[in-house]
Amino acid sequence: MARISPSSSRFWLSLVLLLSTGACLTAQTPAPRPLAELINQQEPGWALVSQWLREAKNPVQVLPKTPARADSTLLAAQVTTRSPLGAIIYETGGCWWMAGGSGSWARAVRP
């Protein structure tokens, strides 16, 4: 590919054409998906998360779900409940677990 020098008229013409065609130089954010589109009833990720919880070697505490907060947090995250992250967001109020052998607890809770 040939380099175009900023001092050349081709550079400036290319820049003007690029900007005048409405081309955007930054990433565009897609429109947010509605809640109904984020909730996956056919293949929920909660089954996998539940299996992980049952098989966990360290203690885990799942905090109770608050439905309104679950909805708003899932909408903000824009991940589906098919994924483990979406399932944890939507099905719990967060989780506490014993971190390794240190005796300290780690947490993943919704804001």
Protein backbone atom coordinates (compact mmCIF):
# COMPACT_ATOMS: atom_id res chain seq x y z
CA MET A 1 0.00 0.00 0.00
CA ALA A 2 1.40 3.39 -0.96
CA ARG A 3 1.96 5.92 1.81
CA ILE A 4 0.33 9.30 1.49
CA SER A 5 2.24 12.19 2.97
CA PRO A 6 0.24 14.69 5.08
CA SER A 7 1.69 17.43 2.89
CA SER A 8 0.24 15.95 -0.30
CA SER A 9 -3.04 17.05 -1.81
CA ARG A 10 -4.12 13.38 -2.07
CA PHE A 11 -3.94 13.11 1.73
CA TRP A 12 -6.22 16.10 2.26
CA LEU A 13 -8.61 15.02 -0.51
CA SER A 14 -8.81 11.54 1.04
CA LEU A 15 -9.48 13.04 4.47
CA VAL A 16 -12.21 15.33 3.16
CA LEU A 17 -13.87 12.47 1.29
CA LEU A 18 -13.67 10.23 4.34
CA LEU A 19 -15.24 12.81 6.62
CA SER A 20 -17.86 13.98 4.13
CA THR A 21 -19.20 10.47 3.54
CA GLY A 22 -20.17 10.22 7.21
CA ALA A 23 -17.58 7.58 7.98
CA CYS A 24 -16.93 7.48 11.70
CA LEU A 25 -13.43 7.17 13.08
CA THR A 26 -14.63 5.78 16.42
CA ALA A 27 -16.39 2.54 17.27
CA GLN A 28 -20.15 2.68 17.23
CA THR A 29 -22.11 1.33 20.16
CA PRO A 30 -24.88 -1.07 19.14
CA ALA A 31 -28.38 -0.42 20.41
CA PRO A 32 -29.00 -2.14 23.76
CA ARG A 33 -30.93 -5.38 23.61
CA PRO A 34 -34.22 -5.58 25.53
CA LEU A 35 -34.52 -7.75 28.65
CA ALA A 36 -36.62 -10.39 26.88
CA GLU A 37 -33.80 -10.90 24.38
CA LEU A 38 -31.21 -11.36 27.15
CA ILE A 39 -33.13 -14.03 29.07
CA ASN A 40 -32.50 -17.46 27.55
CA GLN A 41 -35.11 -19.99 28.68
CA GLN A 42 -34.03 -22.77 26.26
CA GLU A 43 -30.36 -23.03 27.31
CA PRO A 44 -29.94 -21.25 30.65
CA GLY A 45 -26.40 -20.94 31.96
CA TRP A 46 -27.65 -21.41 35.51
CA ALA A 47 -27.54 -25.22 35.10
CA LEU A 48 -23.76 -25.03 34.55
CA VAL A 49 -23.26 -22.55 37.40
CA SER A 50 -25.32 -24.78 39.72
CA GLN A 51 -23.10 -27.72 38.80
CA TRP A 52 -19.99 -25.65 39.60
CA LEU A 53 -21.50 -24.70 42.97
CA ARG A 54 -22.26 -28.34 43.83
CA GLU A 55 -18.74 -29.42 42.85
CA ALA A 56 -16.90 -26.51 44.53
CA LYS A 57 -14.17 -27.61 46.91
CA ASN A 58 -14.29 -24.33 48.86
CA PRO A 59 -17.38 -22.97 50.63
CA VAL A 60 -19.67 -20.80 48.48
CA GLN A 61 -22.57 -18.65 49.61
CA VAL A 62 -25.13 -17.52 47.02
CA LEU A 63 -26.93 -14.32 48.01
CA PRO A 64 -30.69 -14.10 47.39
CA LYS A 65 -31.96 -12.59 44.15
CA THR A 66 -33.77 -9.26 44.08
CA PRO A 67 -35.84 -9.41 40.86
CA ALA A 68 -35.83 -5.67 40.07
CA ARG A 69 -32.07 -5.44 40.58
CA ALA A 70 -31.54 -8.63 38.57
CA ASP A 71 -33.42 -7.09 35.62
CA SER A 72 -31.60 -3.75 35.76
CA THR A 73 -28.16 -5.31 36.19
CA LEU A 74 -28.68 -7.75 33.32
CA LEU A 75 -29.81 -4.86 31.11
CA ALA A 76 -26.74 -2.84 32.08
CA ALA A 77 -24.36 -5.77 31.46
CA GLN A 78 -26.00 -6.73 28.14
CA VAL A 79 -25.02 -10.40 28.47
CA THR A 80 -27.47 -13.26 28.07
CA THR A 81 -28.48 -15.69 30.79
CA ARG A 82 -27.09 -18.43 28.56
CA SER A 83 -23.61 -17.38 29.72
CA PRO A 84 -22.42 -18.15 33.26
CA LEU A 85 -21.89 -14.44 33.92
CA GLY A 86 -25.42 -13.58 32.79
CA ALA A 87 -26.83 -16.46 34.84
CA ILE A 88 -25.05 -15.30 38.00
CA ILE A 89 -26.21 -11.73 37.43
CA TYR A 90 -29.81 -12.75 36.82
CA GLU A 91 -30.26 -15.66 39.24
CA THR A 92 -28.41 -14.36 42.32
CA GLY A 93 -27.78 -11.30 44.41
CA GLY A 94 -24.10 -12.17 44.18
CA CYS A 95 -21.77 -14.85 45.52
CA TRP A 96 -19.20 -15.17 48.29
CA TRP A 97 -16.58 -17.90 48.19
CA MET A 98 -13.57 -18.93 50.22
CA ALA A 99 -10.48 -17.86 48.25
CA GLY A 100 -7.97 -20.67 48.16
CA GLY A 101 -6.33 -21.71 51.39
CA SER A 102 -5.91 -18.17 52.67
CA GLY A 103 -9.06 -18.28 54.77
CA SER A 104 -10.28 -15.03 53.24
CA TRP A 105 -13.54 -14.62 51.37
CA ALA A 106 -13.83 -13.26 47.82
CA ARG A 107 -17.07 -11.81 46.57
CA ALA A 108 -18.92 -11.06 43.36
CA VAL A 109 -21.93 -8.94 44.19
CA ARG A 110 -24.12 -6.64 42.17
CA PRO A 111 -23.77 -2.91 42.74
